[in-house]
Amino acid sequence: MAGEAPGARLRRERLRQGLSQGKAAEQLRLDTIVVEAIETDSYATLGTPVYARGHLRKYAVLLGVPGDE
């Protein structure tokens, strides 16, 4: 959706697929707190911007969300 924050878009897609935060974190090999930070757009929690971008891309791929969205 236009204007939607990346974290909100990923959260909406995860819920649409019926995937829990815990299951998503397990598949991404990340802590649940990292998935929560992504979904709330709390990128400072993720460390340097390069890590935040990497986590976002990895999560998008898991959910089948095009990276350019």
PDB file of N, CA and C in Angstrom:
ATOM      1  N   MET A   1       0.842  -1.182   0.000  1.00  0.00           N
ATOM      2  CA  MET A   1       0.000   0.000   0.000  1.00  0.00           C
ATOM      3  C   MET A   1       0.885   1.243   0.000  1.00  0.00           C
ATOM      4  N   ALA A   2       0.506   2.210  -0.801  1.00  0.00           N
ATOM      5  CA  ALA A   2       1.280   3.439  -0.898  1.00  0.00           C
ATOM      6  C   ALA A   2       1.299   4.161   0.440  1.00  0.00           C
ATOM      7  N   GLY A   3       2.479   4.620   0.825  1.00  0.00           N
ATOM      8  CA  GLY A   3       2.614   5.365   2.063  1.00  0.00           C
ATOM      9  C   GLY A   3       2.705   4.509   3.312  1.00  0.00           C
ATOM     10  N   GLU A   4       2.584   3.209   3.164  1.00  0.00           N
ATOM     11  CA  GLU A   4       2.648   2.319   4.319  1.00  0.00           C
ATOM     12  C   GLU A   4       4.108   2.078   4.705  1.00  0.00           C
ATOM     13  N   ALA A   5       4.380   2.119   5.993  1.00  0.00           N
ATOM     14  CA  ALA A   5       5.742   1.876   6.483  1.00  0.00           C
ATOM     15  C   ALA A   5       6.145   0.434   6.173  1.00  0.00           C
ATOM     16  N   PRO A   6       7.435   0.199   5.912  1.00  0.00           N
ATOM     17  CA  PRO A   6       7.879  -1.165   5.585  1.00  0.00           C
ATOM     18  C   PRO A   6       7.512  -2.191   6.659  1.00  0.00           C
ATOM     19  N   GLY A   7       7.696  -1.828   7.914  1.00  0.00           N
ATOM     20  CA  GLY A   7       7.390  -2.772   8.985  1.00  0.00           C
ATOM     21  C   GLY A   7       5.918  -3.156   9.019  1.00  0.00           C
ATOM     22  N   ALA A   8       5.059  -2.168   8.815  1.00  0.00           N
ATOM     23  CA  ALA A   8       3.618  -2.425   8.802  1.00  0.00           C
ATOM     24  C   ALA A   8       3.249  -3.332   7.633  1.00  0.00           C
ATOM     25  N   ARG A   9       3.872  -3.102   6.488  1.00  0.00           N
ATOM     26  CA  ARG A   9       3.615  -3.927   5.293  1.00  0.00           C
ATOM     27  C   ARG A   9       4.018  -5.375   5.560  1.00  0.00           C
ATOM     28  N   LEU A  10       5.187  -5.554   6.168  1.00  0.00           N
ATOM     29  CA  LEU A  10       5.661  -6.906   6.457  1.00  0.00           C
ATOM     30  C   LEU A  10       4.788  -7.583   7.514  1.00  0.00           C
ATOM     31  N   ARG A  11       4.381  -6.841   8.518  1.00  0.00           N
ATOM     32  CA  ARG A  11       3.506  -7.395   9.557  1.00  0.00           C
ATOM     33  C   ARG A  11       2.174  -7.839   8.954  1.00  0.00           C
ATOM     34  N   ARG A  12       1.595  -6.974   8.114  1.00  0.00           N
ATOM     35  CA  ARG A  12       0.316  -7.298   7.481  1.00  0.00           C
ATOM     36  C   ARG A  12       0.438  -8.571   6.641  1.00  0.00           C
ATOM     37  N   GLU A  13       1.528  -8.688   5.905  1.00  0.00           N
ATOM     38  CA  GLU A  13       1.729  -9.877   5.072  1.00  0.00           C
ATOM     39  C   GLU A  13       1.943 -11.119   5.928  1.00  0.00           C
ATOM     40  N   ARG A  14       2.701 -10.980   7.015  1.00  0.00           N
ATOM     41  CA  ARG A  14       2.926 -12.127   7.911  1.00  0.00           C
ATOM     42  C   ARG A  14       1.605 -12.620   8.475  1.00  0.00           C
ATOM     43  N   LEU A  15       0.770 -11.692   8.915  1.00  0.00           N
ATOM     44  CA  LEU A  15      -0.528 -12.068   9.467  1.00  0.00           C
ATOM     45  C   LEU A  15      -1.425 -12.683   8.397  1.00  0.00           C
ATOM     46  N   ARG A  16      -1.373 -12.140   7.194  1.00  0.00           N
ATOM     47  CA  ARG A  16      -2.170 -12.682   6.082  1.00  0.00           C
ATOM     48  C   ARG A  16      -1.804 -14.143   5.825  1.00  0.00           C
ATOM     49  N   GLN A  17      -0.517 -14.450   5.985  1.00  0.00           N
ATOM     50  CA  GLN A  17      -0.042 -15.815   5.753  1.00  0.00           C
ATOM     51  C   GLN A  17      -0.245 -16.718   6.970  1.00  0.00           C
ATOM     52  N   GLY A  18      -0.742 -16.150   8.064  1.00  0.00           N
ATOM     53  CA  GLY A  18      -0.991 -16.942   9.267  1.00  0.00           C
ATOM     54  C   GLY A  18       0.278 -17.363   9.993  1.00  0.00           C
ATOM     55  N   LEU A  19       1.301 -16.561   9.874  1.00  0.00           N
ATOM     56  CA  LEU A  19       2.593 -16.861  10.469  1.00  0.00           C
ATOM     57  C   LEU A  19       2.760 -16.053  11.754  1.00  0.00           C
ATOM     58  N   SER A  20       3.139 -16.705  12.834  1.00  0.00           N
ATOM     59  CA  SER A  20       3.382 -15.991  14.094  1.00  0.00           C
ATOM     60  C   SER A  20       4.743 -15.294  14.028  1.00  0.00           C
ATOM     61  N   GLN A  21       4.928 -14.299  14.908  1.00  0.00           N
ATOM     62  CA  GLN A  21       6.244 -13.645  14.976  1.00  0.00           C
ATOM     63  C   GLN A  21       7.318 -14.661  15.325  1.00  0.00           C
ATOM     64  N   GLY A  22       7.005 -15.551  16.238  1.00  0.00           N
ATOM     65  CA  GLY A  22       7.977 -16.565  16.655  1.00  0.00           C
ATOM     66  C   GLY A  22       8.383 -17.475  15.516  1.00  0.00           C
ATOM     67  N   LYS A  23       7.405 -17.900  14.713  1.00  0.00           N
ATOM     68  CA  LYS A  23       7.694 -18.784  13.584  1.00  0.00           C
ATOM     69  C   LYS A  23       8.515 -18.049  12.515  1.00  0.00           C
ATOM     70  N   ALA A  24       8.165 -16.785  12.273  1.00  0.00           N
ATOM     71  CA  ALA A  24       8.930 -15.983  11.313  1.00  0.00           C
ATOM     72  C   ALA A  24      10.367 -15.833  11.794  1.00  0.00           C
ATOM     73  N   ALA A  25      10.538 -15.534  13.077  1.00  0.00           N
ATOM     74  CA  ALA A  25      11.879 -15.386  13.643  1.00  0.00           C
ATOM     75  C   ALA A  25      12.667 -16.686  13.512  1.00  0.00           C
ATOM     76  N   GLU A  26      12.003 -17.793  13.762  1.00  0.00           N
ATOM     77  CA  GLU A  26      12.659 -19.103  13.648  1.00  0.00           C
ATOM     78  C   GLU A  26      13.130 -19.347  12.215  1.00  0.00           C
ATOM     79  N   GLN A  27      12.268 -19.060  11.249  1.00  0.00           N
ATOM     80  CA  GLN A  27      12.630 -19.272   9.839  1.00  0.00           C
ATOM     81  C   GLN A  27      13.731 -18.325   9.383  1.00  0.00           C
ATOM     82  N   LEU A  28      13.768 -17.126   9.980  1.00  0.00           N
ATOM     83  CA  LEU A  28      14.805 -16.151   9.638  1.00  0.00           C
ATOM     84  C   LEU A  28      16.093 -16.367  10.434  1.00  0.00           C
ATOM     85  N   ARG A  29      16.020 -17.256  11.425  1.00  0.00           N
ATOM     86  CA  ARG A  29      17.130 -17.505  12.347  1.00  0.00           C
ATOM     87  C   ARG A  29      17.509 -16.218  13.096  1.00  0.00           C
ATOM     88  N   LEU A  30      16.462 -15.522  13.575  1.00  0.00           N
ATOM     89  CA  LEU A  30      16.636 -14.291  14.340  1.00  0.00           C
ATOM     90  C   LEU A  30      15.851 -14.413  15.638  1.00  0.00           C
ATOM     91  N   ASP A  31      16.160 -13.545  16.589  1.00  0.00           N
ATOM     92  CA  ASP A  31      15.363 -13.473  17.806  1.00  0.00           C
ATOM     93  C   ASP A  31      14.030 -12.823  17.483  1.00  0.00           C
ATOM     94  N   THR A  32      13.005 -13.188  18.222  1.00  0.00           N
ATOM     95  CA  THR A  32      11.678 -12.595  18.030  1.00  0.00           C
ATOM     96  C   THR A  32      11.722 -11.085  18.203  1.00  0.00           C
ATOM     97  N   ILE A  33      12.561 -10.607  19.094  1.00  0.00           N
ATOM     98  CA  ILE A  33      12.667  -9.157  19.324  1.00  0.00           C
ATOM     99  C   ILE A  33      13.128  -8.422  18.064  1.00  0.00           C
ATOM    100  N   VAL A  34      13.911  -9.075  17.222  1.00  0.00           N
ATOM    101  CA  VAL A  34      14.364  -8.462  15.974  1.00  0.00           C
ATOM    102  C   VAL A  34      13.180  -8.342  15.008  1.00  0.00           C
ATOM    103  N   VAL A  35      12.367  -9.388  14.913  1.00  0.00           N
ATOM    104  CA  VAL A  35      11.186  -9.343  14.045  1.00  0.00           C
ATOM    105  C   VAL A  35      10.233  -8.249  14.535  1.00  0.00           C
ATOM    106  N   GLU A  36      10.061  -8.159  15.841  1.00  0.00           N
ATOM    107  CA  GLU A  36       9.204  -7.122  16.414  1.00  0.00           C
ATOM    108  C   GLU A  36       9.742  -5.729  16.080  1.00  0.00           C
ATOM    109  N   ALA A  37      11.048  -5.544  16.167  1.00  0.00           N
ATOM    110  CA  ALA A  37      11.664  -4.251  15.847  1.00  0.00           C
ATOM    111  C   ALA A  37      11.456  -3.904  14.372  1.00  0.00           C
ATOM    112  N   ILE A  38      11.572  -4.879  13.500  1.00  0.00           N
ATOM    113  CA  ILE A  38      11.345  -4.643  12.072  1.00  0.00           C
ATOM    114  C   ILE A  38       9.899  -4.198  11.847  1.00  0.00           C
ATOM    115  N   GLU A  39       8.966  -4.915  12.444  1.00  0.00           N
ATOM    116  CA  GLU A  39       7.551  -4.634  12.222  1.00  0.00           C
ATOM    117  C   GLU A  39       7.097  -3.308  12.818  1.00  0.00           C
ATOM    118  N   THR A  40       7.829  -2.798  13.794  1.00  0.00           N
ATOM    119  CA  THR A  40       7.481  -1.499  14.384  1.00  0.00           C
ATOM    120  C   THR A  40       8.396  -0.394  13.861  1.00  0.00           C
ATOM    121  N   ASP A  41       9.194  -0.721  12.853  1.00  0.00           N
ATOM    122  CA  ASP A  41      10.117   0.237  12.233  1.00  0.00           C
ATOM    123  C   ASP A  41      11.068   0.848  13.252  1.00  0.00           C
ATOM    124  N   SER A  42      11.485   0.054  14.222  1.00  0.00           N
ATOM    125  CA  SER A  42      12.442   0.485  15.253  1.00  0.00           C
ATOM    126  C   SER A  42      13.844   0.077  14.818  1.00  0.00           C
ATOM    127  N   TYR A  43      14.308   0.688  13.761  1.00  0.00           N
ATOM    128  CA  TYR A  43      15.558   0.257  13.134  1.00  0.00           C
ATOM    129  C   TYR A  43      16.785   0.491  13.996  1.00  0.00           C
ATOM    130  N   ALA A  44      16.769   1.468  14.879  1.00  0.00           N
ATOM    131  CA  ALA A  44      17.908   1.731  15.755  1.00  0.00           C
ATOM    132  C   ALA A  44      18.204   0.512  16.635  1.00  0.00           C
ATOM    133  N   THR A  45      17.177  -0.248  16.947  1.00  0.00           N
ATOM    134  CA  THR A  45      17.326  -1.456  17.760  1.00  0.00           C
ATOM    135  C   THR A  45      18.144  -2.520  17.025  1.00  0.00           C
ATOM    136  N   LEU A  46      18.151  -2.449  15.704  1.00  0.00           N
ATOM    137  CA  LEU A  46      18.795  -3.478  14.886  1.00  0.00           C
ATOM    138  C   LEU A  46      20.280  -3.245  14.663  1.00  0.00           C
ATOM    139  N   GLY A  47      20.792  -2.120  15.117  1.00  0.00           N
ATOM    140  CA  GLY A  47      22.212  -1.824  14.934  1.00  0.00           C
ATOM    141  C   GLY A  47      22.416  -0.867  13.777  1.00  0.00           C
ATOM    142  N   THR A  48      23.516  -1.011  13.106  1.00  0.00           N
ATOM    143  CA  THR A  48      23.853  -0.105  12.006  1.00  0.00           C
ATOM    144  C   THR A  48      22.863  -0.258  10.854  1.00  0.00           C
ATOM    145  N   PRO A  49      22.728   0.781  10.039  1.00  0.00           N
ATOM    146  CA  PRO A  49      21.777   0.730   8.922  1.00  0.00           C
ATOM    147  C   PRO A  49      21.964  -0.467   7.987  1.00  0.00           C
ATOM    148  N   VAL A  50      23.194  -0.902   7.802  1.00  0.00           N
ATOM    149  CA  VAL A  50      23.419  -2.047   6.906  1.00  0.00           C
ATOM    150  C   VAL A  50      22.739  -3.309   7.455  1.00  0.00           C
ATOM    151  N   TYR A  51      22.745  -3.490   8.764  1.00  0.00           N
ATOM    152  CA  TYR A  51      22.062  -4.641   9.365  1.00  0.00           C
ATOM    153  C   TYR A  51      20.551  -4.504   9.243  1.00  0.00           C
ATOM    154  N   ALA A  52      20.052  -3.301   9.480  1.00  0.00           N
ATOM    155  CA  ALA A  52      18.608  -3.065   9.377  1.00  0.00           C
ATOM    156  C   ALA A  52      18.119  -3.372   7.964  1.00  0.00           C
ATOM    157  N   ARG A  53      18.825  -2.877   6.958  1.00  0.00           N
ATOM    158  CA  ARG A  53      18.449  -3.144   5.562  1.00  0.00           C
ATOM    159  C   ARG A  53      18.503  -4.633   5.248  1.00  0.00           C
ATOM    160  N   GLY A  54      19.542  -5.293   5.737  1.00  0.00           N
ATOM    161  CA  GLY A  54      19.669  -6.734   5.503  1.00  0.00           C
ATOM    162  C   GLY A  54      18.524  -7.520   6.121  1.00  0.00           C
ATOM    163  N   HIS A  55      18.153  -7.172   7.346  1.00  0.00           N
ATOM    164  CA  HIS A  55      17.035  -7.850   8.005  1.00  0.00           C
ATOM    165  C   HIS A  55      15.728  -7.594   7.263  1.00  0.00           C
ATOM    166  N   LEU A  56      15.529  -6.353   6.817  1.00  0.00           N
ATOM    167  CA  LEU A  56      14.319  -6.024   6.062  1.00  0.00           C
ATOM    168  C   LEU A  56      14.237  -6.841   4.774  1.00  0.00           C
ATOM    169  N   ARG A  57      15.331  -6.901   4.053  1.00  0.00           N
ATOM    170  CA  ARG A  57      15.348  -7.661   2.794  1.00  0.00           C
ATOM    171  C   ARG A  57      15.081  -9.145   3.037  1.00  0.00           C
ATOM    172  N   LYS A  58      15.731  -9.688   4.033  1.00  0.00           N
ATOM    173  CA  LYS A  58      15.578 -11.109   4.355  1.00  0.00           C
ATOM    174  C   LYS A  58      14.127 -11.432   4.736  1.00  0.00           C
ATOM    175  N   TYR A  59      13.521 -10.561   5.509  1.00  0.00           N
ATOM    176  CA  TYR A  59      12.131 -10.750   5.931  1.00  0.00           C
ATOM    177  C   TYR A  59      11.199 -10.638   4.726  1.00  0.00           C
ATOM    178  N   ALA A  60      11.457  -9.663   3.853  1.00  0.00           N
ATOM    179  CA  ALA A  60      10.644  -9.494   2.651  1.00  0.00           C
ATOM    180  C   ALA A  60      10.712 -10.733   1.776  1.00  0.00           C
ATOM    181  N   VAL A  61      11.889 -11.289   1.606  1.00  0.00           N
ATOM    182  CA  VAL A  61      12.045 -12.502   0.797  1.00  0.00           C
ATOM    183  C   VAL A  61      11.262 -13.659   1.421  1.00  0.00           C
ATOM    184  N   LEU A  62      11.368 -13.823   2.720  1.00  0.00           N
ATOM    185  CA  LEU A  62      10.639 -14.891   3.406  1.00  0.00           C
ATOM    186  C   LEU A  62       9.143 -14.796   3.121  1.00  0.00           C
ATOM    187  N   LEU A  63       8.618 -13.574   3.137  1.00  0.00           N
ATOM    188  CA  LEU A  63       7.182 -13.383   2.971  1.00  0.00           C
ATOM    189  C   LEU A  63       6.749 -13.233   1.508  1.00  0.00           C
ATOM    190  N   GLY A  64       7.723 -13.161   0.607  1.00  0.00           N
ATOM    191  CA  GLY A  64       7.400 -13.006  -0.807  1.00  0.00           C
ATOM    192  C   GLY A  64       6.987 -11.591  -1.183  1.00  0.00           C
ATOM    193  N   VAL A  65       7.452 -10.621  -0.422  1.00  0.00           N
ATOM    194  CA  VAL A  65       7.146  -9.212  -0.687  1.00  0.00           C
ATOM    195  C   VAL A  65       8.270  -8.653  -1.556  1.00  0.00           C
ATOM    196  N   PRO A  66       7.943  -8.063  -2.702  1.00  0.00           N
ATOM    197  CA  PRO A  66       8.997  -7.492  -3.547  1.00  0.00           C
ATOM    198  C   PRO A  66       9.804  -6.437  -2.782  1.00  0.00           C
ATOM    199  N   GLY A  67      11.110  -6.482  -2.930  1.00  0.00           N
ATOM    200  CA  GLY A  67      11.999  -5.575  -2.218  1.00  0.00           C
ATOM    201  C   GLY A  67      11.795  -4.117  -2.531  1.00  0.00           C
ATOM    202  N   ASP A  68      11.297  -3.810  -3.713  1.00  0.00           N
ATOM    203  CA  ASP A  68      11.117  -2.411  -4.081  1.00  0.00           C
ATOM    204  C   ASP A  68       9.855  -1.797  -3.476  1.00  0.00           C
ATOM    205  N   GLU A  69       9.049  -2.628  -2.826  1.00  0.00           N
ATOM    206  CA  GLU A  69       7.868  -2.104  -2.131  1.00  0.00           C
ATOM    207  C   GLU A  69       8.306  -1.512  -0.821  1.00  0.00           C
TER     208      GLU A  69
END
